[in-house]
Amino acid sequence: MKLKYDPEANALYVRFSTGEIVESEEVSPGVILDYDDEGHILALELLQAREKLAPEVLTEAAE
């Protein structure tokens, strides 16, 4: 699993596994899931991350 935080976009990206992303879906406001061709979740993107997560999580993900 890999975490990446983009402070400019205020978005946290969590990649669970490798594979080709073929579809993305906003499952709730600011939460986007990425799927492979078999419907498995490969990644999650969290928008407005500063408002939803502790600062230490974002600091670790930005490194």
C-alpha atoms as a PDB file:
ATOM      1  CA  MET A   1       0.000   0.000   0.000  1.00  0.00           C
ATOM      2  CA  LYS A   2       1.281   3.469  -0.875  1.00  0.00           C
ATOM      3  CA  LEU A   3       0.136   6.835   0.425  1.00  0.00           C
ATOM      4  CA  LYS A   4       0.653  10.112  -1.390  1.00  0.00           C
ATOM      5  CA  TYR A   5      -0.567  13.524  -0.289  1.00  0.00           C
ATOM      6  CA  ASP A   6      -0.716  16.503  -2.633  1.00  0.00           C
ATOM      7  CA  PRO A   7      -0.910  19.632  -0.443  1.00  0.00           C
ATOM      8  CA  GLU A   8      -1.693  21.899  -3.399  1.00  0.00           C
ATOM      9  CA  ALA A   9      -4.740  19.801  -4.354  1.00  0.00           C
ATOM     10  CA  ASN A  10      -5.438  18.906  -0.688  1.00  0.00           C
ATOM     11  CA  ALA A  11      -5.935  15.298  -1.791  1.00  0.00           C
ATOM     12  CA  LEU A  12      -4.724  12.011  -0.312  1.00  0.00           C
ATOM     13  CA  TYR A  13      -4.213   9.081  -2.683  1.00  0.00           C
ATOM     14  CA  VAL A  14      -4.015   5.544  -1.296  1.00  0.00           C
ATOM     15  CA  ARG A  15      -2.922   2.828  -3.728  1.00  0.00           C
ATOM     16  CA  PHE A  16      -3.785  -0.655  -2.434  1.00  0.00           C
ATOM     17  CA  SER A  17      -2.406  -2.770  -5.267  1.00  0.00           C
ATOM     18  CA  THR A  18      -0.968  -2.598  -8.745  1.00  0.00           C
ATOM     19  CA  GLY A  19      -3.016  -3.060 -11.849  1.00  0.00           C
ATOM     20  CA  GLU A  20      -4.630  -1.009 -14.547  1.00  0.00           C
ATOM     21  CA  ILE A  21      -7.351   1.363 -13.407  1.00  0.00           C
ATOM     22  CA  VAL A  22     -10.267   1.165 -15.823  1.00  0.00           C
ATOM     23  CA  GLU A  23     -13.006   2.927 -13.872  1.00  0.00           C
ATOM     24  CA  SER A  24     -13.356   5.543 -11.148  1.00  0.00           C
ATOM     25  CA  GLU A  25     -16.436   6.276  -9.079  1.00  0.00           C
ATOM     26  CA  GLU A  26     -17.202   8.970  -6.518  1.00  0.00           C
ATOM     27  CA  VAL A  27     -18.867   6.840  -3.847  1.00  0.00           C
ATOM     28  CA  SER A  28     -19.563   9.749  -1.511  1.00  0.00           C
ATOM     29  CA  PRO A  29     -18.688  13.449  -1.651  1.00  0.00           C
ATOM     30  CA  GLY A  30     -14.910  13.724  -1.920  1.00  0.00           C
ATOM     31  CA  VAL A  31     -14.246   9.963  -1.891  1.00  0.00           C
ATOM     32  CA  ILE A  32     -13.259   8.394  -5.207  1.00  0.00           C
ATOM     33  CA  LEU A  33     -12.552   4.687  -5.718  1.00  0.00           C
ATOM     34  CA  ASP A  34     -10.522   3.313  -8.643  1.00  0.00           C
ATOM     35  CA  TYR A  35     -11.321  -0.166  -9.980  1.00  0.00           C
ATOM     36  CA  ASP A  36      -9.635  -2.707 -12.235  1.00  0.00           C
ATOM     37  CA  ASP A  37     -11.454  -4.564 -15.029  1.00  0.00           C
ATOM     38  CA  GLU A  38     -12.687  -7.225 -12.555  1.00  0.00           C
ATOM     39  CA  GLY A  39     -14.220  -4.674 -10.192  1.00  0.00           C
ATOM     40  CA  HIS A  40     -11.502  -4.868  -7.525  1.00  0.00           C
ATOM     41  CA  ILE A  41     -10.681  -1.636  -5.703  1.00  0.00           C
ATOM     42  CA  LEU A  42      -7.123  -0.582  -6.537  1.00  0.00           C
ATOM     43  CA  ALA A  43      -7.035   2.884  -5.002  1.00  0.00           C
ATOM     44  CA  LEU A  44      -8.880   5.525  -3.037  1.00  0.00           C
ATOM     45  CA  GLU A  45      -8.646   9.288  -3.398  1.00  0.00           C
ATOM     46  CA  LEU A  46      -9.787  11.516  -0.552  1.00  0.00           C
ATOM     47  CA  LEU A  47     -10.446  15.145  -1.449  1.00  0.00           C
ATOM     48  CA  GLN A  48     -10.340  17.922   1.173  1.00  0.00           C
ATOM     49  CA  ALA A  49      -8.009  15.688   3.166  1.00  0.00           C
ATOM     50  CA  ARG A  50      -6.880  18.412   5.600  1.00  0.00           C
ATOM     51  CA  GLU A  51     -10.431  18.727   6.878  1.00  0.00           C
ATOM     52  CA  LYS A  52     -10.859  14.958   7.342  1.00  0.00           C
ATOM     53  CA  LEU A  53      -7.517  13.581   8.579  1.00  0.00           C
ATOM     54  CA  ALA A  54      -5.042  14.243  11.356  1.00  0.00           C
ATOM     55  CA  PRO A  55      -2.058  16.414  10.335  1.00  0.00           C
ATOM     56  CA  GLU A  56       0.459  13.648  11.133  1.00  0.00           C
ATOM     57  CA  VAL A  57      -1.179  11.333   8.583  1.00  0.00           C
ATOM     58  CA  LEU A  58      -0.809  13.955   5.865  1.00  0.00           C
ATOM     59  CA  THR A  59       2.772  14.761   6.860  1.00  0.00           C
ATOM     60  CA  GLU A  60       3.739  11.089   6.615  1.00  0.00           C
ATOM     61  CA  ALA A  61       1.993  10.688   3.257  1.00  0.00           C
ATOM     62  CA  ALA A  62       3.663  13.806   1.825  1.00  0.00           C
ATOM     63  CA  GLU A  63       7.177  12.439   2.484  1.00  0.00           C
END
